[in-house]
Amino acid sequence: MSDGTALAASIFERLMRGFDVPVALRLWDGIVRPPRAGTPGFTLVLRDPSLLRRLVIERSPLLLAEGYFRGLIDVEGDLYSALRLKDHFAQLRLSWRDRIGLLRDALRLPQLRTAAAPLARVAQRFSHRHSQESDRSAIAFHYDVSNAFYALWLDAERVYSCGYFAHPGDSLDAAQRNKLEHVCRKLRLRPGDRLLDIGCGWGALVCWAARHHGVRAHGITLSQRQFDFARQRIEAEKLSGLVTVELRDFRDLPADAVYDKVSSIGMFEHVGLAHMPAYLATVQRVLRPGGLFLNHGITHDEEGWNPTLASTFINRYVFPDGELDCVSNIQRGMERAGFEIHDVEGLRPHYALTLRHWVARLEARREDAIHEVGEGTYRIWRLYMAACALEFDAGGTGVYQILASRRNDGEWPVPMTRSDLYAEPAGTAMPGPDSPAEGRSRSSASP
């Protein structure tokens, strides 16, 4: 082991004190430094000592993420265990003597010219003002990566929100069919209902609602690629008489638009907390009196969206201008907008499971993903989704479905109990396109 690699191994060992998972270190010259005790939970591959030098100086876990995206470090083994380094470095406390010693040694590390992959996808121009132009750009940044890329790891229906698992061992496809049906049942959809889906994505819900419940569904999105796919899907599934989609900001919905039911699945996170009243007022305006509104979205355990390591990471690499709030504030905002809340369901463990499925499916199609979007983007999504799974596991992030109605002279627009939601065994996957039941649903949905 050279002086440089021995120095790097020594620095790494001191930085890792107190981390409860044994970690092996592979250095830029191929030498592996095993942990002092135990079987390594993962191996951290360090390809450039400059990253270790910066980590000593700044001690920011974000450096590890950026180094991973650019290929300066890598993880072999359990990625979820490696992600615990974020909390370790965030909580790392060193004496002044240790800091001086580490800094002295870090400055003695060798200088290498390691080729780092460029990061094309870094959001730098967003200010959380949420103008219509900036919102379109933010949506394009995240959703217009590539339809083919999302298809590699999403389910067959192409649902980009949490599934609904009757059992932890359910497949992702079954869980997403369950979720689509669960949403439709909560909205008590009936043939002929006019459904608006705000942020319709690739058209999964509007097509499902029309196919299985005979509604007339309209979806809006700001993503050009989602819109193009949804139009092709509607045509391919012969649903043109029941389903329409358009590129439209929710703020531009026509003044005379009226719907019986409104859904918003995984969309309000993009609205911005300052614009939440306008978003809810728009839903209130287009929903008929007594109509039902299902608001489904991610929350976190603090009030407001404050600058943190996690929010910086998300806004810079994944969701520019995305903002979360606690569920009680979301409910309060809905009540202030004139909605009566009927049902609130937390789905946190469902999202943790969904994310683990997505990560596994993405990893299984790694080469295809890299061919489609490049290695940097592949690494960003892999790390982001795995980190989010841990956040949902830990409870720092949640997801809730809130069912509400536009008040109408005391009308109670839902049944007295929830039994209608579970008329069939809870979580039963809906029939596939080749089953007899699917044929019956399709014929019953015909105009």
Foldseek 3Di string as FASTA:
>chain_A
DDPQVVLLVVLVVVLCPPQPFWEWEQELVGDIRGGPDDDGQKYKYANFLVLVLVCLVPLACVSVLVCCLFVRIHIGHDLLSVVCVRVSSVPDDDDPVVSVVSNVSSVVRDHDDDRTHDDPQWDDPFDLPPDVVVLLVLCCSAQVLDPVLQVLQAEPLSDDAFFQAPDLPDDRNLRNLLVLLLVCVLQVAAAAFEEEEEACFLPSNQVCCLLQHQYQYEYEHSHPVSQVNNVVVCVVVVNVVRYYYDHDDLLPDDQPAAGQEYEYAAPVQQQGPVCLLVNLLSVLRRYDALGKYKYKHKAFDAAWFDDDSVSSLCCTRHRNSGIHGHPVVNVVSNVVSQKDWDDKDWDLLRLLSSLVSSLVSLVVCVVVSCVSRNSSNSSSSNSVSSVVSVCSVVRRMIMMIIMIGRHDPPDDNDDPDCVSSPVDPRSGGDDDCPDPVSVVSNVVSDD
